[in-house]
């Protein structure tokens, strides 16, 4: 099978959600072959996602820096939420905006 057809089959499976059996019938290929081809593509994508530093070594330091900044931002948000919770308990007033409320 040529690479263009294989890429087309993988794309159809990912975008339209076409099953292995339907793809096999449509393209006249054994369904186990399509299953293996899709699994191989899935493993290839997962390995690229797991190791972005190896794929782009010049971005390694940037990724580490961004991860650290993200960790700090999440920590800051968590601390702000805790401060709001404590203030709400001490003041006895719900400080958070309720979702779905109408503006006056």
C-alpha atoms as a PDB file:
ATOM      1  CA  UNK A   1       0.000   0.000   0.000  1.00  0.00           C
ATOM      2  CA  UNK A   2       1.383   3.396  -0.892  1.00  0.00           C
ATOM      3  CA  UNK A   3       1.932   6.080   1.727  1.00  0.00           C
ATOM      4  CA  UNK A   4      -0.643   8.480   0.268  1.00  0.00           C
ATOM      5  CA  UNK A   5      -3.424   5.934   0.625  1.00  0.00           C
ATOM      6  CA  UNK A   6      -2.282   5.003   4.124  1.00  0.00           C
ATOM      7  CA  UNK A   7      -2.267   8.677   5.141  1.00  0.00           C
ATOM      8  CA  UNK A   8      -5.734   9.099   3.633  1.00  0.00           C
ATOM      9  CA  UNK A   9      -7.059   6.104   5.582  1.00  0.00           C
ATOM     10  CA  UNK A  10      -5.538   7.366   8.838  1.00  0.00           C
ATOM     11  CA  UNK A  11      -6.944  10.839   8.230  1.00  0.00           C
ATOM     12  CA  UNK A  12     -10.414   9.452   7.514  1.00  0.00           C
ATOM     13  CA  UNK A  13     -10.326   7.389  10.683  1.00  0.00           C
ATOM     14  CA  UNK A  14      -9.215  10.342  12.814  1.00  0.00           C
ATOM     15  CA  UNK A  15     -11.489  13.010  11.335  1.00  0.00           C
ATOM     16  CA  UNK A  16     -14.654  11.061  10.566  1.00  0.00           C
ATOM     17  CA  UNK A  17     -14.288   8.289  13.120  1.00  0.00           C
ATOM     18  CA  UNK A  18     -14.751   5.605  10.482  1.00  0.00           C
ATOM     19  CA  UNK A  19     -14.349   2.128  11.948  1.00  0.00           C
ATOM     20  CA  UNK A  20     -11.616  -0.321  10.990  1.00  0.00           C
ATOM     21  CA  UNK A  21     -14.125  -2.652   9.361  1.00  0.00           C
ATOM     22  CA  UNK A  22     -15.728   0.064   7.227  1.00  0.00           C
ATOM     23  CA  UNK A  23     -12.318   1.290   6.103  1.00  0.00           C
ATOM     24  CA  UNK A  24     -11.309  -2.280   5.243  1.00  0.00           C
ATOM     25  CA  UNK A  25     -14.438  -2.787   3.126  1.00  0.00           C
ATOM     26  CA  UNK A  26     -14.119   0.619   1.461  1.00  0.00           C
ATOM     27  CA  UNK A  27     -10.457   0.236   0.452  1.00  0.00           C
ATOM     28  CA  UNK A  28     -10.385  -3.558  -0.022  1.00  0.00           C
ATOM     29  CA  UNK A  29      -7.742  -4.155   2.640  1.00  0.00           C
ATOM     30  CA  UNK A  30      -7.691  -6.610   5.535  1.00  0.00           C
ATOM     31  CA  UNK A  31      -9.041  -4.987   8.724  1.00  0.00           C
ATOM     32  CA  UNK A  32      -6.132  -6.263  10.820  1.00  0.00           C
ATOM     33  CA  UNK A  33      -3.747  -4.469   8.455  1.00  0.00           C
ATOM     34  CA  UNK A  34      -5.676  -1.224   8.963  1.00  0.00           C
ATOM     35  CA  UNK A  35      -5.739  -1.805  12.720  1.00  0.00           C
ATOM     36  CA  UNK A  36      -1.955  -2.290  12.796  1.00  0.00           C
ATOM     37  CA  UNK A  37      -1.409   0.751  10.598  1.00  0.00           C
ATOM     38  CA  UNK A  38      -3.545   2.928  12.899  1.00  0.00           C
ATOM     39  CA  UNK A  39      -1.819   1.578  16.018  1.00  0.00           C
ATOM     40  CA  UNK A  40       1.590   2.277  14.502  1.00  0.00           C
ATOM     41  CA  UNK A  41       0.499   5.848  13.737  1.00  0.00           C
ATOM     42  CA  UNK A  42      -0.861   6.236  17.286  1.00  0.00           C
ATOM     43  CA  UNK A  43       2.430   5.070  18.828  1.00  0.00           C
ATOM     44  CA  UNK A  44       4.342   7.415  16.547  1.00  0.00           C
ATOM     45  CA  UNK A  45       2.223  10.391  17.667  1.00  0.00           C
ATOM     46  CA  UNK A  46       2.489   9.442  21.344  1.00  0.00           C
ATOM     47  CA  UNK A  47       6.275   9.216  21.165  1.00  0.00           C
ATOM     48  CA  UNK A  48       6.427  12.657  19.548  1.00  0.00           C
ATOM     49  CA  UNK A  49       4.178  14.106  22.279  1.00  0.00           C
ATOM     50  CA  UNK A  50       6.173  12.500  25.095  1.00  0.00           C
ATOM     51  CA  UNK A  51       9.560  13.734  23.945  1.00  0.00           C
ATOM     52  CA  UNK A  52       9.263  17.240  22.484  1.00  0.00           C
ATOM     53  CA  UNK A  53      12.771  18.108  23.687  1.00  0.00           C
ATOM     54  CA  UNK A  54      14.247  15.398  21.465  1.00  0.00           C
ATOM     55  CA  UNK A  55      12.224  16.488  18.450  1.00  0.00           C
ATOM     56  CA  UNK A  56      13.224  20.137  18.915  1.00  0.00           C
ATOM     57  CA  UNK A  57      16.384  20.302  21.042  1.00  0.00           C
ATOM     58  CA  UNK A  58      16.587  24.100  20.803  1.00  0.00           C
ATOM     59  CA  UNK A  59      13.231  24.358  22.575  1.00  0.00           C
ATOM     60  CA  UNK A  60      14.263  22.178  25.535  1.00  0.00           C
ATOM     61  CA  UNK A  61      15.110  25.081  27.827  1.00  0.00           C
ATOM     62  CA  UNK A  62      12.057  27.053  26.726  1.00  0.00           C
ATOM     63  CA  UNK A  63       9.770  24.127  27.513  1.00  0.00           C
ATOM     64  CA  UNK A  64      11.267  23.731  30.974  1.00  0.00           C
ATOM     65  CA  UNK A  65      10.874  27.454  31.595  1.00  0.00           C
ATOM     66  CA  UNK A  66       7.262  27.428  30.425  1.00  0.00           C
ATOM     67  CA  UNK A  67       6.459  24.402  32.579  1.00  0.00           C
ATOM     68  CA  UNK A  68       7.858  26.202  35.617  1.00  0.00           C
ATOM     69  CA  UNK A  69       5.850  29.342  34.817  1.00  0.00           C
ATOM     70  CA  UNK A  70       2.703  27.238  34.415  1.00  0.00           C
ATOM     71  CA  UNK A  71       3.330  25.538  37.754  1.00  0.00           C
ATOM     72  CA  UNK A  72       3.731  28.934  39.438  1.00  0.00           C
ATOM     73  CA  UNK A  73       0.561  30.293  37.814  1.00  0.00           C
ATOM     74  CA  UNK A  74      -1.451  27.273  38.943  1.00  0.00           C
ATOM     75  CA  UNK A  75      -0.077  27.637  42.466  1.00  0.00           C
ATOM     76  CA  UNK A  76      -1.003  31.333  42.488  1.00  0.00           C
ATOM     77  CA  UNK A  77      -4.568  30.548  41.379  1.00  0.00           C
ATOM     78  CA  UNK A  78      -4.884  27.880  44.056  1.00  0.00           C
ATOM     79  CA  UNK A  79      -3.680  30.324  46.725  1.00  0.00           C
ATOM     80  CA  UNK A  80      -6.113  32.987  45.528  1.00  0.00           C
ATOM     81  CA  UNK A  81      -8.972  30.503  45.711  1.00  0.00           C
ATOM     82  CA  UNK A  82      -7.976  29.591  49.261  1.00  0.00           C
ATOM     83  CA  UNK A  83      -7.842  33.276  50.237  1.00  0.00           C
ATOM     84  CA  UNK A  84     -11.338  33.818  48.837  1.00  0.00           C
ATOM     85  CA  UNK A  85     -12.619  30.765  50.733  1.00  0.00           C
ATOM     86  CA  UNK A  86     -11.101  31.970  54.020  1.00  0.00           C
ATOM     87  CA  UNK A  87     -12.416  35.507  53.530  1.00  0.00           C
ATOM     88  CA  UNK A  88     -15.884  34.151  52.747  1.00  0.00           C
ATOM     89  CA  UNK A  89     -15.926  32.104  55.945  1.00  0.00           C
ATOM     90  CA  UNK A  90     -14.654  34.958  58.125  1.00  0.00           C
ATOM     91  CA  UNK A  91     -16.979  37.578  56.651  1.00  0.00           C
ATOM     92  CA  UNK A  92     -19.942  35.260  56.261  1.00  0.00           C
ATOM     93  CA  UNK A  93     -20.541  36.577  52.733  1.00  0.00           C
ATOM     94  CA  UNK A  94     -20.227  34.654  49.493  1.00  0.00           C
ATOM     95  CA  UNK A  95     -17.585  36.584  47.549  1.00  0.00           C
ATOM     96  CA  UNK A  96     -17.551  34.470  44.391  1.00  0.00           C
ATOM     97  CA  UNK A  97     -19.731  35.487  41.482  1.00  0.00           C
ATOM     98  CA  UNK A  98     -22.454  32.981  40.868  1.00  0.00           C
ATOM     99  CA  UNK A  99     -22.603  31.621  37.327  1.00  0.00           C
ATOM    100  CA  UNK A 100     -25.757  32.297  35.363  1.00  0.00           C
ATOM    101  CA  UNK A 101     -26.717  35.456  37.257  1.00  0.00           C
ATOM    102  CA  UNK A 102     -28.263  38.325  35.329  1.00  0.00           C
ATOM    103  CA  UNK A 103     -26.785  41.765  35.194  1.00  0.00           C
ATOM    104  CA  UNK A 104     -28.908  44.536  36.625  1.00  0.00           C
END
